[in-house]
N, C-alpha and C. Protein backbone atom coordinates (compact mmCIF):
# COMPACT_ATOMS: atom_id res chain seq x y z
N MET A 1 -22.74 30.84 10.59
CA MET A 1 -23.07 31.00 9.16
C MET A 1 -23.91 29.91 8.62
N LYS A 2 -24.87 30.37 7.93
CA LYS A 2 -25.66 29.18 7.10
C LYS A 2 -25.32 29.12 5.65
N VAL A 3 -25.18 27.69 5.40
CA VAL A 3 -24.74 27.39 4.12
C VAL A 3 -25.64 26.26 3.60
N ILE A 4 -25.71 26.03 2.11
CA ILE A 4 -26.38 25.14 1.58
C ILE A 4 -25.36 23.95 1.04
N LEU A 5 -25.57 22.78 1.58
CA LEU A 5 -24.69 21.61 1.02
C LEU A 5 -24.92 21.23 -0.37
N LEU A 6 -23.85 21.11 -1.20
CA LEU A 6 -23.86 20.70 -2.48
C LEU A 6 -23.63 19.33 -2.70
N GLU A 7 -23.24 18.54 -1.65
CA GLU A 7 -22.83 17.09 -1.63
C GLU A 7 -23.13 16.50 -0.27
N ASN A 8 -23.19 15.16 -0.20
CA ASN A 8 -23.43 14.39 1.07
C ASN A 8 -22.11 14.62 1.84
N LEU A 9 -22.13 14.98 3.04
CA LEU A 9 -20.82 14.96 4.01
C LEU A 9 -21.10 14.15 5.16
N LYS A 10 -20.22 13.27 5.42
CA LYS A 10 -20.51 12.45 6.73
C LYS A 10 -20.45 13.29 7.96
N LYS A 11 -21.29 13.06 8.86
CA LYS A 11 -21.58 13.89 10.14
C LYS A 11 -21.74 15.47 9.93
N ILE A 12 -22.12 15.82 8.62
CA ILE A 12 -22.37 17.22 8.57
C ILE A 12 -23.85 17.34 7.86
N GLY A 13 -24.16 16.68 6.81
CA GLY A 13 -25.47 16.84 6.27
C GLY A 13 -25.53 16.12 4.92
N SER A 14 -26.84 16.34 4.35
CA SER A 14 -26.83 15.72 2.89
C SER A 14 -27.01 16.95 1.88
N ILE A 15 -27.23 16.62 0.67
CA ILE A 15 -27.31 17.57 -0.42
C ILE A 15 -28.60 18.53 -0.13
N GLY A 16 -28.43 19.84 -0.28
CA GLY A 16 -29.68 20.79 -0.29
C GLY A 16 -30.04 21.10 1.04
N GLU A 17 -29.34 20.59 2.04
CA GLU A 17 -29.65 20.81 3.41
C GLU A 17 -28.96 22.17 3.83
N ILE A 18 -29.63 23.06 4.63
CA ILE A 18 -29.01 24.42 4.98
C ILE A 18 -28.62 24.02 6.62
N ILE A 19 -27.39 24.25 6.67
CA ILE A 19 -26.84 23.96 7.96
C ILE A 19 -26.18 25.30 8.47
N ASP A 20 -25.94 25.31 9.80
CA ASP A 20 -25.20 26.37 10.41
C ASP A 20 -23.75 25.91 10.72
N VAL A 21 -22.94 26.46 10.28
CA VAL A 21 -21.38 25.97 10.80
C VAL A 21 -20.68 27.35 10.94
N LYS A 22 -19.39 27.10 11.51
CA LYS A 22 -18.58 28.35 11.88
C LYS A 22 -18.15 28.79 10.54
N ARG A 23 -17.93 30.34 10.73
CA ARG A 23 -17.58 30.82 9.52
C ARG A 23 -16.39 30.54 8.79
N GLY A 24 -15.30 30.18 9.51
CA GLY A 24 -14.11 29.92 9.11
C GLY A 24 -14.15 28.43 8.39
N PHE A 25 -14.79 27.55 8.85
CA PHE A 25 -15.21 26.09 8.25
C PHE A 25 -15.86 26.39 6.91
N ALA A 26 -16.73 27.32 7.09
CA ALA A 26 -17.66 27.48 5.71
C ALA A 26 -16.81 28.10 4.68
N ARG A 27 -15.98 29.17 4.95
CA ARG A 27 -15.12 29.80 3.84
C ARG A 27 -14.16 29.00 3.67
N ASN A 28 -13.34 28.50 4.47
CA ASN A 28 -11.92 27.79 4.06
C ASN A 28 -12.09 26.32 3.77
N TYR A 29 -13.18 25.68 3.97
CA TYR A 29 -13.35 24.29 3.60
C TYR A 29 -14.53 24.24 2.57
N LEU A 30 -15.87 24.30 3.11
CA LEU A 30 -16.99 24.04 2.51
C LEU A 30 -17.03 24.86 1.11
N ILE A 31 -17.03 26.04 1.20
CA ILE A 31 -17.41 26.96 -0.07
C ILE A 31 -15.89 26.91 -0.94
N ALA A 32 -14.73 26.95 -0.27
CA ALA A 32 -13.46 26.70 -1.11
C ALA A 32 -13.50 25.67 -2.01
N ASN A 33 -14.10 24.44 -1.36
CA ASN A 33 -13.98 23.26 -2.30
C ASN A 33 -15.21 22.84 -2.81
N LYS A 34 -16.11 23.79 -3.03
CA LYS A 34 -17.38 23.68 -3.74
C LYS A 34 -18.31 22.57 -3.26
N LYS A 35 -18.20 22.66 -1.92
CA LYS A 35 -19.16 21.38 -1.20
C LYS A 35 -20.42 22.30 -0.68
N ALA A 36 -20.41 23.51 -0.72
CA ALA A 36 -21.47 24.36 -0.21
C ALA A 36 -21.50 25.76 -0.87
N LEU A 37 -22.58 26.37 -0.80
CA LEU A 37 -22.85 27.80 -1.02
C LEU A 37 -23.42 28.62 0.01
N TYR A 38 -23.18 29.91 0.39
CA TYR A 38 -23.86 30.76 1.17
C TYR A 38 -25.44 30.57 0.96
N ALA A 39 -26.04 30.64 2.02
CA ALA A 39 -27.58 30.39 1.97
C ALA A 39 -28.26 31.76 1.74
N SER A 40 -28.13 32.23 0.83
CA SER A 40 -28.87 33.42 0.08
C SER A 40 -30.11 33.14 -0.38
N LYS A 41 -31.16 33.92 -0.56
CA LYS A 41 -32.66 33.41 -1.26
C LYS A 41 -32.09 32.88 -2.63
N GLU A 42 -31.23 33.62 -3.41
CA GLU A 42 -31.16 33.35 -4.77
C GLU A 42 -30.41 31.72 -4.98
N ASN A 43 -29.35 31.59 -4.01
CA ASN A 43 -28.84 30.20 -3.85
C ASN A 43 -29.48 29.13 -3.36
N ILE A 44 -30.44 29.54 -2.59
CA ILE A 44 -31.55 28.39 -2.10
C ILE A 44 -32.49 27.97 -3.25
N LEU A 45 -32.82 29.02 -3.95
CA LEU A 45 -33.84 28.73 -5.20
C LEU A 45 -32.98 27.94 -6.08
N GLU A 46 -31.55 28.28 -6.42
CA GLU A 46 -30.65 27.60 -7.43
C GLU A 46 -30.54 26.04 -7.11
N VAL A 47 -30.25 25.96 -5.74
CA VAL A 47 -30.02 24.66 -5.31
C VAL A 47 -31.18 23.77 -5.59
N GLU A 48 -32.41 24.09 -5.13
CA GLU A 48 -33.58 23.46 -5.50
C GLU A 48 -33.81 23.03 -6.85
N LYS A 49 -33.30 23.85 -7.89
CA LYS A 49 -33.45 23.57 -9.11
C LYS A 49 -32.45 22.46 -9.68
N ILE A 50 -31.29 22.51 -9.06
CA ILE A 50 -30.26 21.57 -9.47
C ILE A 50 -30.11 20.37 -8.56
N LYS A 51 -31.18 20.27 -7.58
CA LYS A 51 -30.92 19.06 -6.53
C LYS A 51 -30.89 17.85 -7.10
N SER A 52 -31.79 17.49 -8.00
CA SER A 52 -31.63 16.08 -8.66
C SER A 52 -30.47 15.81 -9.49
N ALA A 53 -29.71 16.76 -9.98
CA ALA A 53 -28.46 16.50 -10.84
C ALA A 53 -27.40 16.56 -9.64
N LEU A 54 -27.33 17.19 -8.65
CA LEU A 54 -26.29 17.06 -7.57
C LEU A 54 -26.61 15.59 -7.10
N THR A 55 -27.84 15.09 -6.78
CA THR A 55 -28.25 13.74 -6.29
C THR A 55 -27.56 12.66 -7.21
N LYS A 56 -27.51 13.00 -8.50
CA LYS A 56 -27.27 12.04 -9.58
C LYS A 56 -25.86 11.88 -9.57
N THR A 57 -24.97 13.05 -9.46
CA THR A 57 -23.49 13.03 -9.43
C THR A 57 -22.91 12.48 -8.18
N ASP A 58 -23.98 12.47 -6.91
CA ASP A 58 -23.38 11.82 -5.78
C ASP A 58 -23.57 10.43 -5.82
N ASN A 59 -24.70 9.93 -6.50
CA ASN A 59 -24.94 8.45 -6.48
C ASN A 59 -23.76 7.92 -7.51
N GLU A 60 -23.25 8.72 -8.54
CA GLU A 60 -22.27 8.21 -9.62
C GLU A 60 -20.97 7.99 -8.65
N LYS A 61 -20.74 9.08 -7.93
CA LYS A 61 -19.39 8.89 -7.06
C LYS A 61 -19.58 7.70 -6.19
N LYS A 62 -20.77 7.72 -5.61
CA LYS A 62 -20.90 6.36 -4.61
C LYS A 62 -20.79 5.02 -5.33
N GLU A 63 -21.20 5.00 -6.48
CA GLU A 63 -20.95 3.73 -7.32
C GLU A 63 -19.56 3.60 -7.64
N LYS A 64 -18.79 4.59 -7.97
CA LYS A 64 -17.18 4.33 -8.20
C LYS A 64 -16.56 4.11 -6.87
N ALA A 65 -17.20 4.56 -5.64
CA ALA A 65 -16.60 4.35 -4.40
C ALA A 65 -16.86 2.78 -4.21
N LYS A 66 -17.92 2.26 -4.38
CA LYS A 66 -18.33 0.81 -4.26
C LYS A 66 -17.44 -0.02 -4.98
N ILE A 67 -17.09 0.29 -6.16
CA ILE A 67 -16.18 -0.46 -7.15
C ILE A 67 -14.71 -0.49 -6.43
N ILE A 68 -14.21 0.54 -5.92
CA ILE A 68 -13.04 0.38 -5.42
C ILE A 68 -12.89 -0.05 -4.09
N PHE A 69 -14.02 0.06 -3.38
CA PHE A 69 -14.27 -1.02 -2.14
C PHE A 69 -14.26 -2.32 -2.36
N GLU A 70 -14.83 -2.86 -3.40
CA GLU A 70 -14.74 -4.25 -3.85
C GLU A 70 -13.23 -4.69 -4.05
N LYS A 71 -12.64 -3.56 -4.68
CA LYS A 71 -11.20 -4.05 -4.92
C LYS A 71 -10.25 -4.17 -3.89
N ILE A 72 -10.43 -3.30 -2.76
CA ILE A 72 -9.50 -3.02 -1.74
C ILE A 72 -9.72 -3.53 -0.47
N ASN A 73 -11.04 -3.58 -0.14
CA ASN A 73 -11.78 -3.96 1.28
C ASN A 73 -10.96 -5.23 1.77
N LYS A 74 -10.61 -5.16 3.04
CA LYS A 74 -10.01 -6.49 3.83
C LYS A 74 -8.83 -6.93 3.19
N LYS A 75 -8.14 -6.16 2.28
CA LYS A 75 -6.66 -6.80 1.69
C LYS A 75 -5.76 -6.19 2.55
N THR A 76 -4.48 -6.87 2.41
CA THR A 76 -3.43 -6.66 3.19
C THR A 76 -2.30 -6.02 2.31
N PHE A 77 -1.61 -4.83 2.48
CA PHE A 77 -0.53 -4.19 1.74
C PHE A 77 0.67 -4.24 2.62
N GLN A 78 1.74 -4.69 1.98
CA GLN A 78 3.07 -4.75 2.75
C GLN A 78 3.99 -3.40 2.44
N ILE A 79 4.59 -3.11 3.62
CA ILE A 79 5.49 -1.81 3.45
C ILE A 79 6.68 -2.26 4.20
N LYS A 80 7.81 -2.01 3.41
CA LYS A 80 9.20 -2.21 4.19
C LYS A 80 9.82 -1.12 4.72
N LYS A 81 10.13 -1.03 5.79
CA LYS A 81 10.85 0.18 6.53
C LYS A 81 11.95 -0.12 7.43
N LEU A 82 12.88 0.71 7.36
CA LEU A 82 14.12 0.69 8.43
C LEU A 82 13.68 0.68 9.79
N ASN A 83 14.18 -0.16 10.74
CA ASN A 83 13.74 -0.07 12.04
C ASN A 83 14.94 -0.15 12.93
N THR A 84 14.70 -0.01 14.23
CA THR A 84 15.79 -0.09 15.22
C THR A 84 15.59 -1.64 15.82
N GLU A 85 16.51 -2.04 16.63
CA GLU A 85 16.62 -3.36 17.24
C GLU A 85 15.33 -3.89 17.97
N ASN A 86 14.75 -2.80 18.67
CA ASN A 86 13.55 -3.10 19.37
C ASN A 86 12.05 -2.97 18.51
N ASN A 87 12.33 -3.09 17.18
CA ASN A 87 11.24 -2.97 16.20
C ASN A 87 10.54 -1.52 15.78
N GLU A 88 11.07 -0.70 16.36
CA GLU A 88 10.54 0.73 16.25
C GLU A 88 10.94 1.31 14.80
N LEU A 89 10.02 1.85 14.27
CA LEU A 89 10.63 2.64 12.87
C LEU A 89 11.29 3.84 13.08
N TYR A 90 12.12 4.10 12.09
CA TYR A 90 12.84 5.53 11.85
C TYR A 90 11.57 6.26 11.27
N GLY A 91 10.84 7.10 11.82
CA GLY A 91 9.85 7.77 11.30
C GLY A 91 8.50 6.92 11.52
N SER A 92 7.57 7.26 10.84
CA SER A 92 6.19 6.49 10.69
C SER A 92 5.84 6.29 9.13
N VAL A 93 4.77 5.32 9.28
CA VAL A 93 4.11 5.01 7.88
C VAL A 93 2.90 6.12 7.72
N LYS A 94 3.18 7.04 6.79
CA LYS A 94 2.30 8.30 6.33
C LYS A 94 1.21 7.78 5.43
N PRO A 95 -0.08 8.42 5.45
CA PRO A 95 -1.20 8.38 4.40
C PRO A 95 -0.51 8.30 2.93
N THR A 96 0.35 9.14 2.73
CA THR A 96 0.97 9.49 1.41
C THR A 96 1.66 7.97 0.97
N GLU A 97 2.33 7.41 1.85
CA GLU A 97 3.09 6.14 1.54
C GLU A 97 1.93 5.01 1.16
N ILE A 98 0.90 5.05 1.96
CA ILE A 98 -0.19 4.11 1.84
C ILE A 98 -0.71 4.20 0.39
N SER A 99 -1.22 5.38 0.11
CA SER A 99 -1.77 5.93 -1.15
C SER A 99 -0.71 5.32 -2.29
N LYS A 100 0.40 5.52 -2.11
CA LYS A 100 1.29 5.10 -3.19
C LYS A 100 1.41 3.67 -3.35
N ILE A 101 1.59 2.90 -2.19
CA ILE A 101 1.55 1.51 -2.44
C ILE A 101 0.19 0.83 -3.01
N ILE A 102 -0.94 1.52 -2.56
CA ILE A 102 -2.41 1.13 -3.27
C ILE A 102 -2.33 1.21 -4.66
N ASN A 103 -1.77 2.58 -5.02
CA ASN A 103 -1.74 2.84 -6.57
C ASN A 103 -0.86 1.81 -7.26
N GLU A 104 0.32 1.58 -6.71
CA GLU A 104 1.34 0.62 -7.48
C GLU A 104 0.71 -0.71 -7.56
N ILE A 105 -0.01 -1.44 -6.48
CA ILE A 105 -0.36 -2.62 -6.48
C ILE A 105 -1.79 -2.73 -7.34
N ASN A 106 -2.79 -1.78 -7.06
CA ASN A 106 -3.97 -2.00 -7.62
C ASN A 106 -4.34 -1.02 -8.83
N GLY A 107 -3.29 0.00 -8.87
CA GLY A 107 -3.49 0.88 -9.92
C GLY A 107 -4.88 2.07 -9.66
N LEU A 108 -5.24 2.08 -8.42
CA LEU A 108 -6.36 2.98 -7.89
C LEU A 108 -5.67 4.26 -7.36
N GLU A 109 -6.22 5.40 -7.83
CA GLU A 109 -6.04 6.62 -7.16
C GLU A 109 -6.80 7.00 -5.84
N ILE A 110 -6.22 6.85 -4.88
CA ILE A 110 -6.69 7.17 -3.50
C ILE A 110 -6.15 8.36 -2.91
N LYS A 111 -6.69 9.40 -2.47
CA LYS A 111 -5.94 10.61 -1.91
C LYS A 111 -5.59 10.25 -0.59
N PRO A 112 -4.38 10.85 -0.14
CA PRO A 112 -4.00 10.57 1.15
C PRO A 112 -4.88 11.15 2.27
N SER A 113 -5.70 12.06 1.93
CA SER A 113 -6.66 12.77 2.94
C SER A 113 -7.77 11.80 3.19
N MET A 114 -8.23 10.74 2.42
CA MET A 114 -9.11 9.63 2.55
C MET A 114 -8.73 8.51 3.27
N ILE A 115 -7.48 8.50 3.74
CA ILE A 115 -6.73 7.40 4.56
C ILE A 115 -6.63 7.73 5.99
N GLN A 116 -7.31 6.92 6.99
CA GLN A 116 -7.14 7.43 8.34
C GLN A 116 -6.59 5.99 9.04
N PRO A 117 -5.40 6.05 9.56
CA PRO A 117 -4.81 4.97 10.30
C PRO A 117 -5.78 5.02 11.66
N ILE A 118 -5.85 3.79 12.18
CA ILE A 118 -6.70 3.58 13.42
C ILE A 118 -5.66 4.19 14.57
N LYS A 119 -4.40 3.66 14.38
CA LYS A 119 -3.77 4.31 15.45
C LYS A 119 -2.46 4.54 14.59
N GLU A 120 -1.28 5.48 14.97
CA GLU A 120 -0.27 5.96 14.25
C GLU A 120 0.77 4.73 14.12
N ILE A 121 1.14 4.40 12.85
CA ILE A 121 2.12 3.24 12.44
C ILE A 121 3.54 3.45 12.78
N LYS A 122 4.11 3.37 13.92
CA LYS A 122 5.35 3.56 14.30
C LYS A 122 6.18 2.45 14.49
N SER A 123 5.88 1.43 14.33
CA SER A 123 6.60 0.00 14.43
C SER A 123 6.32 -1.14 13.56
N ILE A 124 7.08 -2.27 13.71
CA ILE A 124 6.82 -3.46 13.06
C ILE A 124 5.62 -4.07 13.28
N GLY A 125 4.99 -4.59 12.19
CA GLY A 125 3.69 -5.35 12.67
C GLY A 125 2.39 -5.29 11.71
N LYS A 126 1.24 -5.34 12.19
CA LYS A 126 0.14 -5.12 11.16
C LYS A 126 -0.73 -4.27 11.85
N PHE A 127 -1.29 -3.31 11.02
CA PHE A 127 -2.10 -2.10 11.45
C PHE A 127 -3.43 -2.03 10.48
N ARG A 128 -4.64 -1.88 11.26
CA ARG A 128 -5.84 -1.55 10.47
C ARG A 128 -5.95 -0.17 10.08
N VAL A 129 -6.36 0.05 8.73
CA VAL A 129 -6.38 1.43 8.40
C VAL A 129 -7.70 1.46 7.62
N LYS A 130 -8.49 2.63 7.90
CA LYS A 130 -9.74 2.92 7.46
C LYS A 130 -9.58 3.67 6.19
N ILE A 131 -10.17 3.59 5.20
CA ILE A 131 -10.12 4.47 3.93
C ILE A 131 -11.65 5.05 3.70
N SER A 132 -12.14 6.29 3.78
CA SER A 132 -13.21 6.96 3.58
C SER A 132 -13.34 7.26 1.91
N LEU A 133 -13.99 6.30 1.35
CA LEU A 133 -14.19 6.46 -0.22
C LEU A 133 -15.19 7.44 -0.56
N HIS A 134 -16.37 7.41 0.36
CA HIS A 134 -17.51 8.27 0.17
C HIS A 134 -18.13 8.54 1.36
N SER A 135 -19.15 9.46 1.47
CA SER A 135 -19.68 9.72 2.82
C SER A 135 -20.43 8.44 3.39
N GLU A 136 -20.89 7.49 2.35
CA GLU A 136 -21.54 6.29 3.14
C GLU A 136 -20.56 4.95 2.67
N VAL A 137 -19.39 5.19 2.10
CA VAL A 137 -18.57 3.95 1.92
C VAL A 137 -17.43 3.92 2.53
N ASP A 138 -16.95 3.20 3.32
CA ASP A 138 -15.77 3.13 3.92
C ASP A 138 -15.19 1.72 3.88
N ALA A 139 -13.90 1.49 3.46
CA ALA A 139 -13.08 0.48 3.34
C ALA A 139 -12.21 0.29 4.47
N GLU A 140 -11.77 -0.92 4.79
CA GLU A 140 -10.78 -1.23 5.88
C GLU A 140 -9.85 -2.08 5.20
N ILE A 141 -8.40 -1.65 5.32
CA ILE A 141 -7.42 -2.26 4.81
C ILE A 141 -6.37 -2.69 5.92
N THR A 142 -5.43 -3.62 5.72
CA THR A 142 -4.35 -3.88 6.62
C THR A 142 -3.12 -3.55 6.16
N ILE A 143 -2.20 -2.84 6.98
CA ILE A 143 -1.07 -2.53 6.49
C ILE A 143 -0.09 -3.47 7.27
N ASP A 144 0.81 -4.25 6.53
CA ASP A 144 1.79 -5.11 7.14
C ASP A 144 3.36 -4.44 6.97
N VAL A 145 3.64 -3.98 8.27
CA VAL A 145 4.90 -3.23 8.09
C VAL A 145 6.10 -4.23 8.42
N GLN A 146 6.83 -4.46 7.53
CA GLN A 146 8.16 -5.36 7.90
C GLN A 146 9.42 -4.63 7.76
N SER A 147 10.36 -5.39 8.10
CA SER A 147 11.73 -4.88 8.53
C SER A 147 12.29 -4.86 7.11
N ALA A 148 13.00 -3.63 6.67
CA ALA A 148 13.87 -3.53 5.38
C ALA A 148 15.33 -3.91 5.84
N GLU A 149 15.76 -4.73 5.11
CA GLU A 149 17.14 -5.11 5.60
C GLU A 149 18.06 -4.09 5.48
N THR A 150 18.30 -3.65 4.18
CA THR A 150 19.20 -2.60 3.85
C THR A 150 18.50 -1.37 3.28
N ILE A 151 19.26 -0.10 3.32
CA ILE A 151 18.47 0.96 2.84
C ILE A 151 18.48 0.88 1.15
N GLN A 152 17.29 1.19 0.53
CA GLN A 152 17.23 1.03 -0.72
C GLN A 152 17.46 2.26 -1.45
């Protein structure tokens, strides 16, 4: 199915580009989240007209992402979790927890869907986590998982 992109998407394409994607991906993700339109003649003409405005809003998003990048890149965030004797966690550290910690410490709203742990966090230690702030801006933070002495 051919669609026209309304924003820059990593590994997919850039604004105004007509791409061929699977029908389900187009309907359930791109069009549902207003990231693309069906590639009809009318829509192609419409996108050509508003392309500069779309590029401007994308650049604004990129600038906001750069500001957040400056605040959190290379920072370390501590999380205390209950663990077993051999330092394995009861459960794991999820992106929603990481998002809450960043919000509490820096007051920044980062969606859990932007957070991509490099490997699953299931034990005590330090772990690198990638945060995709924009299609062109990625930050990397460290999550320091420590033992919680008692249940809080």
